[in-house]
Amino acid sequence: MAFVSEPELPLTLYLVKRLELVTRALLDDALRPFGLTSLQYTALTVLENTGQLSSAQLARRSFLRAQTMHEMVLTLEKRGLIGRQPKDGNRRILLADLTDAGRTLLAECEPAVHELEHALLADLTPRQREVFRDNLRKRVAVLSQLAESRQP
């Protein structure tokens, strides 16, 4: 693996973290009227895109610890935004899925989320947006692969 001898300052990792923090703060503000946090919204959109998942699977795909996800799942279930049912063949595993109320709430949040997305990309041409998104996907894949290789 080749390393750049003198990285540009500030480090790219620092800039990515700053982007994440400001994005999360703005998303939390935008979702507050709907009674959601950015983490809850992320979990709901993961379920929307994938269908039924166990709490452990949902935690991994939402970038949360299993314990944090367990508490969140209970909260979302109590609100009627998700339902859980035993997995066929292994009744100890409960699979979470969006309810109609969860789908409706996500649809209500969509304009606020799209407004932030637009603000992020507004000064980029369509080609620059495509390159930006493609580069982000590739960087996520590279670091995800690194993280997986370090798992015991």
N, C-alpha and C. Protein backbone atom coordinates (compact mmCIF):
# COMPACT_ATOMS: atom_id res chain seq x y z
N MET A 1 0.85 -1.17 0.00
CA MET A 1 0.00 0.00 0.00
C MET A 1 0.89 1.23 0.00
N ALA A 2 0.65 2.15 -0.93
CA ALA A 2 1.45 3.36 -1.02
C ALA A 2 0.81 4.47 -0.19
N PHE A 3 1.64 5.22 0.52
CA PHE A 3 1.17 6.34 1.32
C PHE A 3 1.75 7.63 0.76
N VAL A 4 0.98 8.68 0.80
CA VAL A 4 1.46 9.99 0.41
C VAL A 4 2.39 10.46 1.53
N SER A 5 3.60 10.89 1.17
CA SER A 5 4.57 11.23 2.20
C SER A 5 4.19 12.49 2.96
N GLU A 6 3.66 13.49 2.30
CA GLU A 6 3.27 14.73 2.96
C GLU A 6 1.81 15.02 2.64
N PRO A 7 0.89 14.57 3.48
CA PRO A 7 -0.52 14.82 3.18
C PRO A 7 -0.84 16.30 3.25
N GLU A 8 -1.80 16.70 2.42
CA GLU A 8 -2.26 18.08 2.45
C GLU A 8 -3.01 18.32 3.75
N LEU A 9 -2.87 19.54 4.23
CA LEU A 9 -3.57 19.91 5.46
C LEU A 9 -4.71 20.85 5.13
N PRO A 10 -5.82 20.75 5.76
CA PRO A 10 -6.13 19.73 6.76
C PRO A 10 -6.29 18.37 6.09
N LEU A 11 -6.10 17.33 6.88
CA LEU A 11 -6.23 15.97 6.37
C LEU A 11 -7.62 15.74 5.77
N THR A 12 -7.66 14.92 4.75
CA THR A 12 -8.93 14.57 4.12
C THR A 12 -9.86 13.94 5.14
N LEU A 13 -9.32 13.10 6.03
CA LEU A 13 -10.15 12.48 7.07
C LEU A 13 -10.81 13.52 7.96
N TYR A 14 -10.10 14.58 8.25
CA TYR A 14 -10.65 15.67 9.05
C TYR A 14 -11.80 16.35 8.30
N LEU A 15 -11.60 16.61 7.02
CA LEU A 15 -12.65 17.25 6.21
C LEU A 15 -13.89 16.37 6.11
N VAL A 16 -13.68 15.08 5.94
CA VAL A 16 -14.81 14.15 5.87
C VAL A 16 -15.58 14.15 7.19
N LYS A 17 -14.84 14.14 8.30
CA LYS A 17 -15.49 14.17 9.61
C LYS A 17 -16.27 15.47 9.80
N ARG A 18 -15.70 16.58 9.40
CA ARG A 18 -16.41 17.87 9.50
C ARG A 18 -17.68 17.84 8.67
N LEU A 19 -17.61 17.28 7.46
CA LEU A 19 -18.79 17.16 6.60
C LEU A 19 -19.85 16.30 7.28
N GLU A 20 -19.42 15.19 7.88
CA GLU A 20 -20.36 14.32 8.58
C GLU A 20 -21.03 15.07 9.74
N LEU A 21 -20.25 15.79 10.52
CA LEU A 21 -20.80 16.48 11.69
C LEU A 21 -21.79 17.57 11.30
N VAL A 22 -21.44 18.36 10.30
CA VAL A 22 -22.37 19.43 9.89
C VAL A 22 -23.61 18.83 9.23
N THR A 23 -23.43 17.77 8.47
CA THR A 23 -24.56 17.10 7.85
C THR A 23 -25.49 16.53 8.91
N ARG A 24 -24.92 15.87 9.89
CA ARG A 24 -25.74 15.28 10.94
C ARG A 24 -26.49 16.34 11.74
N ALA A 25 -25.82 17.45 12.05
CA ALA A 25 -26.48 18.53 12.79
C ALA A 25 -27.64 19.11 11.98
N LEU A 26 -27.41 19.37 10.71
CA LEU A 26 -28.48 19.92 9.86
C LEU A 26 -29.61 18.92 9.67
N LEU A 27 -29.26 17.65 9.51
CA LEU A 27 -30.28 16.62 9.35
C LEU A 27 -31.10 16.47 10.63
N ASP A 28 -30.43 16.49 11.78
CA ASP A 28 -31.16 16.43 13.05
C ASP A 28 -32.14 17.60 13.17
N ASP A 29 -31.70 18.79 12.79
CA ASP A 29 -32.58 19.96 12.83
C ASP A 29 -33.77 19.79 11.89
N ALA A 30 -33.51 19.29 10.69
CA ALA A 30 -34.57 19.12 9.70
C ALA A 30 -35.57 18.04 10.11
N LEU A 31 -35.10 17.02 10.83
CA LEU A 31 -35.96 15.89 11.19
C LEU A 31 -36.67 16.08 12.53
N ARG A 32 -36.20 17.03 13.33
CA ARG A 32 -36.79 17.25 14.65
C ARG A 32 -38.31 17.45 14.60
N PRO A 33 -38.86 18.22 13.65
CA PRO A 33 -40.32 18.38 13.61
C PRO A 33 -41.08 17.06 13.37
N PHE A 34 -40.39 16.07 12.85
CA PHE A 34 -41.00 14.77 12.59
C PHE A 34 -40.76 13.79 13.74
N GLY A 35 -40.06 14.26 14.78
CA GLY A 35 -39.79 13.42 15.94
C GLY A 35 -38.74 12.36 15.69
N LEU A 36 -37.84 12.61 14.74
CA LEU A 36 -36.78 11.65 14.40
C LEU A 36 -35.41 12.29 14.59
N THR A 37 -34.43 11.44 14.89
CA THR A 37 -33.03 11.84 14.84
C THR A 37 -32.45 11.36 13.52
N SER A 38 -31.29 11.87 13.18
CA SER A 38 -30.64 11.42 11.94
C SER A 38 -30.32 9.93 11.99
N LEU A 39 -29.98 9.41 13.18
CA LEU A 39 -29.69 7.98 13.31
C LEU A 39 -30.94 7.13 13.11
N GLN A 40 -32.06 7.58 13.66
CA GLN A 40 -33.32 6.85 13.46
C GLN A 40 -33.72 6.90 11.99
N TYR A 41 -33.57 8.06 11.37
CA TYR A 41 -33.89 8.22 9.96
C TYR A 41 -33.05 7.26 9.11
N THR A 42 -31.76 7.19 9.43
CA THR A 42 -30.87 6.30 8.69
C THR A 42 -31.36 4.85 8.81
N ALA A 43 -31.69 4.42 10.02
CA ALA A 43 -32.16 3.04 10.21
C ALA A 43 -33.44 2.79 9.42
N LEU A 44 -34.36 3.75 9.44
CA LEU A 44 -35.61 3.58 8.70
C LEU A 44 -35.36 3.50 7.19
N THR A 45 -34.44 4.32 6.69
CA THR A 45 -34.17 4.27 5.25
C THR A 45 -33.44 2.98 4.87
N VAL A 46 -32.63 2.46 5.77
CA VAL A 46 -31.99 1.16 5.50
C VAL A 46 -33.07 0.10 5.35
N LEU A 47 -34.03 0.08 6.26
CA LEU A 47 -35.12 -0.89 6.17
C LEU A 47 -35.95 -0.67 4.90
N GLU A 48 -36.16 0.58 4.55
CA GLU A 48 -36.92 0.90 3.33
C GLU A 48 -36.23 0.33 2.10
N ASN A 49 -34.90 0.39 2.09
CA ASN A 49 -34.13 -0.04 0.92
C ASN A 49 -33.82 -1.53 0.89
N THR A 50 -33.83 -2.19 2.06
CA THR A 50 -33.41 -3.59 2.10
C THR A 50 -34.53 -4.55 2.47
N GLY A 51 -35.54 -4.07 3.16
CA GLY A 51 -36.57 -4.98 3.67
C GLY A 51 -36.16 -5.49 5.04
N GLN A 52 -36.69 -6.62 5.42
CA GLN A 52 -36.50 -7.16 6.77
C GLN A 52 -35.04 -7.42 7.11
N LEU A 53 -34.68 -6.99 8.34
CA LEU A 53 -33.33 -7.23 8.86
C LEU A 53 -33.40 -7.50 10.35
N SER A 54 -32.45 -8.27 10.84
CA SER A 54 -32.31 -8.43 12.28
C SER A 54 -31.72 -7.14 12.85
N SER A 55 -31.81 -6.99 14.15
CA SER A 55 -31.22 -5.80 14.78
C SER A 55 -29.72 -5.73 14.53
N ALA A 56 -29.04 -6.86 14.55
CA ALA A 56 -27.59 -6.88 14.32
C ALA A 56 -27.27 -6.45 12.88
N GLN A 57 -28.03 -6.94 11.92
CA GLN A 57 -27.81 -6.54 10.53
C GLN A 57 -28.10 -5.05 10.35
N LEU A 58 -29.18 -4.60 10.96
CA LEU A 58 -29.55 -3.19 10.86
C LEU A 58 -28.47 -2.31 11.49
N ALA A 59 -27.91 -2.74 12.60
CA ALA A 59 -26.84 -1.99 13.26
C ALA A 59 -25.64 -1.84 12.32
N ARG A 60 -25.22 -2.93 11.71
CA ARG A 60 -24.06 -2.88 10.81
C ARG A 60 -24.32 -1.94 9.64
N ARG A 61 -25.50 -2.02 9.06
CA ARG A 61 -25.81 -1.21 7.88
C ARG A 61 -26.09 0.25 8.22
N SER A 62 -26.36 0.52 9.49
CA SER A 62 -26.62 1.89 9.94
C SER A 62 -25.41 2.49 10.65
N PHE A 63 -24.32 1.72 10.74
CA PHE A 63 -23.07 2.18 11.35
C PHE A 63 -23.24 2.46 12.84
N LEU A 64 -23.96 1.58 13.52
CA LEU A 64 -24.18 1.71 14.97
C LEU A 64 -23.77 0.43 15.67
N ARG A 65 -23.53 0.55 16.98
CA ARG A 65 -23.26 -0.64 17.79
C ARG A 65 -24.57 -1.39 18.00
N ALA A 66 -24.48 -2.69 18.19
CA ALA A 66 -25.68 -3.52 18.36
C ALA A 66 -26.53 -3.07 19.54
N GLN A 67 -25.89 -2.70 20.63
CA GLN A 67 -26.64 -2.27 21.81
C GLN A 67 -27.42 -0.99 21.53
N THR A 68 -26.80 -0.04 20.85
CA THR A 68 -27.47 1.21 20.49
C THR A 68 -28.65 0.92 19.57
N MET A 69 -28.45 0.01 18.62
CA MET A 69 -29.53 -0.33 17.68
C MET A 69 -30.67 -1.02 18.41
N HIS A 70 -30.37 -1.87 19.36
CA HIS A 70 -31.42 -2.56 20.11
C HIS A 70 -32.36 -1.55 20.76
N GLU A 71 -31.78 -0.54 21.40
CA GLU A 71 -32.59 0.49 22.05
C GLU A 71 -33.39 1.28 21.02
N MET A 72 -32.78 1.59 19.89
CA MET A 72 -33.46 2.34 18.86
C MET A 72 -34.61 1.54 18.26
N VAL A 73 -34.39 0.25 18.03
CA VAL A 73 -35.44 -0.61 17.49
C VAL A 73 -36.65 -0.63 18.43
N LEU A 74 -36.39 -0.73 19.73
CA LEU A 74 -37.49 -0.72 20.69
C LEU A 74 -38.27 0.60 20.62
N THR A 75 -37.56 1.71 20.51
CA THR A 75 -38.20 3.02 20.40
C THR A 75 -39.02 3.13 19.13
N LEU A 76 -38.45 2.73 18.00
CA LEU A 76 -39.16 2.81 16.71
C LEU A 76 -40.36 1.87 16.68
N GLU A 77 -40.22 0.71 17.31
CA GLU A 77 -41.34 -0.23 17.38
C GLU A 77 -42.46 0.34 18.25
N LYS A 78 -42.09 0.93 19.37
CA LYS A 78 -43.08 1.53 20.26
C LYS A 78 -43.86 2.64 19.56
N ARG A 79 -43.20 3.36 18.68
CA ARG A 79 -43.85 4.44 17.91
C ARG A 79 -44.67 3.91 16.74
N GLY A 80 -44.55 2.61 16.48
CA GLY A 80 -45.30 2.03 15.37
C GLY A 80 -44.68 2.25 14.01
N LEU A 81 -43.41 2.63 13.98
CA LEU A 81 -42.74 2.90 12.71
C LEU A 81 -42.13 1.65 12.10
N ILE A 82 -41.83 0.68 12.96
CA ILE A 82 -41.36 -0.62 12.50
C ILE A 82 -42.12 -1.71 13.25
N GLY A 83 -42.16 -2.87 12.66
CA GLY A 83 -42.69 -4.05 13.31
C GLY A 83 -41.63 -5.13 13.29
N ARG A 84 -41.75 -6.08 14.19
CA ARG A 84 -40.79 -7.19 14.22
C ARG A 84 -41.54 -8.50 14.28
N GLN A 85 -40.98 -9.47 13.59
CA GLN A 85 -41.55 -10.81 13.63
C GLN A 85 -40.44 -11.84 13.60
N PRO A 86 -40.69 -13.02 14.19
CA PRO A 86 -39.65 -14.06 14.22
C PRO A 86 -39.26 -14.51 12.81
N LYS A 87 -38.00 -14.80 12.66
CA LYS A 87 -37.48 -15.29 11.39
C LYS A 87 -37.92 -16.74 11.20
N ASP A 88 -38.31 -17.07 9.99
CA ASP A 88 -38.64 -18.46 9.68
C ASP A 88 -37.41 -19.33 9.92
N GLY A 89 -37.58 -20.40 10.64
CA GLY A 89 -36.49 -21.32 10.89
C GLY A 89 -35.65 -20.99 12.11
N ASN A 90 -35.79 -19.78 12.65
CA ASN A 90 -35.05 -19.41 13.86
C ASN A 90 -35.87 -18.35 14.60
N ARG A 91 -36.76 -18.80 15.42
CA ARG A 91 -37.72 -17.91 16.07
C ARG A 91 -37.07 -16.98 17.11
N ARG A 92 -35.80 -17.23 17.45
CA ARG A 92 -35.11 -16.34 18.39
C ARG A 92 -34.69 -15.03 17.73
N ILE A 93 -34.54 -15.05 16.41
CA ILE A 93 -34.15 -13.84 15.67
C ILE A 93 -35.42 -13.11 15.24
N LEU A 94 -35.51 -11.85 15.65
CA LEU A 94 -36.64 -11.02 15.25
C LEU A 94 -36.20 -10.13 14.08
N LEU A 95 -37.00 -10.14 13.03
CA LEU A 95 -36.70 -9.31 11.86
C LEU A 95 -37.54 -8.05 11.90
N ALA A 96 -36.88 -6.92 11.75
CA ALA A 96 -37.56 -5.63 11.73
C ALA A 96 -37.92 -5.26 10.30
N ASP A 97 -39.05 -4.59 10.16
CA ASP A 97 -39.49 -4.11 8.85
C ASP A 97 -40.29 -2.83 9.06
N LEU A 98 -40.33 -1.99 8.04
CA LEU A 98 -41.12 -0.76 8.12
C LEU A 98 -42.61 -1.07 8.15
N THR A 99 -43.33 -0.29 8.93
CA THR A 99 -44.79 -0.35 8.89
C THR A 99 -45.27 0.71 7.90
N ASP A 100 -46.56 0.71 7.64
CA ASP A 100 -47.12 1.76 6.79
C ASP A 100 -46.87 3.13 7.40
N ALA A 101 -46.96 3.23 8.73
CA ALA A 101 -46.70 4.50 9.40
C ALA A 101 -45.24 4.93 9.20
N GLY A 102 -44.33 3.98 9.21
CA GLY A 102 -42.92 4.29 8.96
C GLY A 102 -42.69 4.79 7.55
N ARG A 103 -43.34 4.14 6.58
CA ARG A 103 -43.21 4.58 5.18
C ARG A 103 -43.80 5.98 5.00
N THR A 104 -44.93 6.22 5.63
CA THR A 104 -45.56 7.54 5.54
C THR A 104 -44.67 8.61 6.13
N LEU A 105 -44.08 8.33 7.29
CA LEU A 105 -43.20 9.31 7.93
C LEU A 105 -41.98 9.60 7.07
N LEU A 106 -41.39 8.57 6.48
CA LEU A 106 -40.24 8.80 5.60
C LEU A 106 -40.63 9.68 4.41
N ALA A 107 -41.80 9.45 3.86
CA ALA A 107 -42.27 10.28 2.75
C ALA A 107 -42.46 11.73 3.18
N GLU A 108 -42.93 11.93 4.40
CA GLU A 108 -43.10 13.29 4.92
C GLU A 108 -41.75 13.98 5.14
N CYS A 109 -40.74 13.22 5.48
CA CYS A 109 -39.39 13.77 5.72
C CYS A 109 -38.66 14.10 4.42
N GLU A 110 -39.07 13.48 3.35
CA GLU A 110 -38.33 13.56 2.09
C GLU A 110 -38.03 14.98 1.62
N PRO A 111 -38.98 15.93 1.63
CA PRO A 111 -38.64 17.28 1.17
C PRO A 111 -37.54 17.93 1.99
N ALA A 112 -37.56 17.77 3.29
CA ALA A 112 -36.53 18.38 4.15
C ALA A 112 -35.16 17.76 3.87
N VAL A 113 -35.13 16.46 3.66
CA VAL A 113 -33.86 15.78 3.37
C VAL A 113 -33.34 16.19 1.99
N HIS A 114 -34.24 16.26 1.03
CA HIS A 114 -33.83 16.65 -0.32
C HIS A 114 -33.33 18.10 -0.37
N GLU A 115 -33.88 18.95 0.50
CA GLU A 115 -33.40 20.33 0.58
C GLU A 115 -31.93 20.37 1.00
N LEU A 116 -31.57 19.54 1.98
CA LEU A 116 -30.16 19.47 2.41
C LEU A 116 -29.27 18.90 1.31
N GLU A 117 -29.76 17.87 0.65
CA GLU A 117 -29.01 17.26 -0.46
C GLU A 117 -28.76 18.32 -1.54
N HIS A 118 -29.79 19.09 -1.85
CA HIS A 118 -29.65 20.13 -2.86
C HIS A 118 -28.61 21.18 -2.42
N ALA A 119 -28.67 21.59 -1.17
CA ALA A 119 -27.73 22.58 -0.66
C ALA A 119 -26.29 22.08 -0.76
N LEU A 120 -26.08 20.82 -0.47
CA LEU A 120 -24.74 20.22 -0.54
C LEU A 120 -24.18 20.26 -1.96
N LEU A 121 -25.05 20.01 -2.94
CA LEU A 121 -24.59 19.83 -4.32
C LEU A 121 -24.89 21.01 -5.24
N ALA A 122 -25.50 22.05 -4.73
CA ALA A 122 -26.03 23.14 -5.55
C ALA A 122 -25.00 23.78 -6.47
N ASP A 123 -23.78 23.97 -6.01
CA ASP A 123 -22.79 24.68 -6.84
C ASP A 123 -21.98 23.75 -7.73
N LEU A 124 -22.39 22.50 -7.84
CA LEU A 124 -21.70 21.54 -8.70
C LEU A 124 -22.49 21.31 -9.98
N THR A 125 -21.78 21.11 -11.07
CA THR A 125 -22.45 20.75 -12.32
C THR A 125 -22.93 19.31 -12.20
N PRO A 126 -23.84 18.88 -13.06
CA PRO A 126 -24.26 17.48 -13.02
C PRO A 126 -23.08 16.51 -13.10
N ARG A 127 -22.10 16.80 -13.92
CA ARG A 127 -20.92 15.93 -14.05
C ARG A 127 -20.11 15.93 -12.75
N GLN A 128 -19.93 17.09 -12.12
CA GLN A 128 -19.20 17.17 -10.86
C GLN A 128 -19.93 16.39 -9.76
N ARG A 129 -21.25 16.45 -9.76
CA ARG A 129 -22.03 15.69 -8.78
C ARG A 129 -21.80 14.20 -8.96
N GLU A 130 -21.82 13.77 -10.21
CA GLU A 130 -21.60 12.35 -10.51
C GLU A 130 -20.22 11.90 -10.05
N VAL A 131 -19.20 12.70 -10.33
CA VAL A 131 -17.83 12.37 -9.94
C VAL A 131 -17.71 12.38 -8.41
N PHE A 132 -18.28 13.38 -7.76
CA PHE A 132 -18.25 13.48 -6.30
C PHE A 132 -18.87 12.24 -5.66
N ARG A 133 -20.06 11.88 -6.11
CA ARG A 133 -20.76 10.72 -5.54
C ARG A 133 -19.99 9.43 -5.83
N ASP A 134 -19.46 9.30 -7.04
CA ASP A 134 -18.70 8.11 -7.39
C ASP A 134 -17.45 7.99 -6.53
N ASN A 135 -16.76 9.10 -6.32
CA ASN A 135 -15.57 9.08 -5.47
C ASN A 135 -15.93 8.74 -4.02
N LEU A 136 -17.03 9.28 -3.52
CA LEU A 136 -17.45 8.94 -2.16
C LEU A 136 -17.73 7.44 -2.04
N ARG A 137 -18.46 6.88 -3.01
CA ARG A 137 -18.75 5.43 -2.99
C ARG A 137 -17.46 4.61 -2.97
N LYS A 138 -16.51 4.99 -3.79
CA LYS A 138 -15.25 4.26 -3.86
C LYS A 138 -14.47 4.37 -2.55
N ARG A 139 -14.43 5.54 -1.95
CA ARG A 139 -13.70 5.71 -0.69
C ARG A 139 -14.38 4.91 0.43
N VAL A 140 -15.71 4.90 0.44
CA VAL A 140 -16.43 4.09 1.43
C VAL A 140 -16.07 2.61 1.23
N ALA A 141 -16.03 2.17 0.00
CA ALA A 141 -15.70 0.76 -0.28
C ALA A 141 -14.28 0.43 0.18
N VAL A 142 -13.34 1.31 -0.09
CA VAL A 142 -11.94 1.07 0.30
C VAL A 142 -11.82 0.95 1.81
N LEU A 143 -12.41 1.91 2.54
CA LEU A 143 -12.27 1.87 4.00
C LEU A 143 -13.13 0.77 4.62
N SER A 144 -14.25 0.43 4.00
CA SER A 144 -15.06 -0.69 4.49
C SER A 144 -14.29 -2.00 4.36
N GLN A 145 -13.60 -2.16 3.25
CA GLN A 145 -12.78 -3.35 3.05
C GLN A 145 -11.65 -3.41 4.08
N LEU A 146 -11.05 -2.27 4.37
CA LEU A 146 -10.00 -2.21 5.38
C LEU A 146 -10.57 -2.60 6.75
N ALA A 147 -11.72 -2.06 7.08
CA ALA A 147 -12.35 -2.38 8.37
C ALA A 147 -12.67 -3.87 8.47
N GLU A 148 -13.19 -4.45 7.39
CA GLU A 148 -13.50 -5.89 7.40
C GLU A 148 -12.25 -6.72 7.57
N SER A 149 -11.15 -6.31 6.97
CA SER A 149 -9.91 -7.07 7.06
C SER A 149 -9.33 -7.04 8.47
N ARG A 150 -9.74 -6.06 9.26
CA ARG A 150 -9.23 -5.93 10.64
C ARG A 150 -10.14 -6.59 11.67
N GLN A 151 -11.26 -7.14 11.21
CA GLN A 151 -12.17 -7.83 12.13
C GLN A 151 -11.55 -9.15 12.58
N PRO A 152 -11.72 -9.50 13.85
CA PRO A 152 -11.14 -10.77 14.34
C PRO A 152 -11.83 -11.97 13.72
